[in-house]
Amino acid sequence: MGDSDEEETEVAAGDRVAQDLPVVNVRSNDLRDDLFIKLQLICVQALKDNKMQKDIAQQIKTVLDKEADFNELIGKGPWQVIVGRSFASSITHEAMHLSFFDIPKYQETFLIYKSLGVQST
């Protein structure tokens, strides 16, 4: 019985965190739900800490490259972060490591993906 109580507490805490996030319009997301929520929190914090898009992107990338949860696949490429209001792209990314979404409150769009690892020939 104790295990289920702990699970309910963790879920309730996760729900509270998700409720504090601003509305997000998801265009495409291949990340696990728990990682996507963490990613949103990282993005919102970067938006609060920085004014320039390049600084927002740099802070997000730095956190993602260091955070163990986002780097479970050993030997894969680094995270790439694009922040802006208007941009085009053509990318190749690791499977299950792409997120493309808008946060209307801040009028910003995010394209975040893990690039392919370098393959030796």
Foldseek 3Di string as FASTA:
>chain_A
DVVVVVVVVVVVVVVVLQVPQADKAWPDALADPVVVSVLSVLLVVLVVVDDDQVSSQVSSQVCLQPDCVNPVDPQFAGKGKGKDQDDDDDADADGSFWTWMARVVSNMIMTMGTHGGDDDD
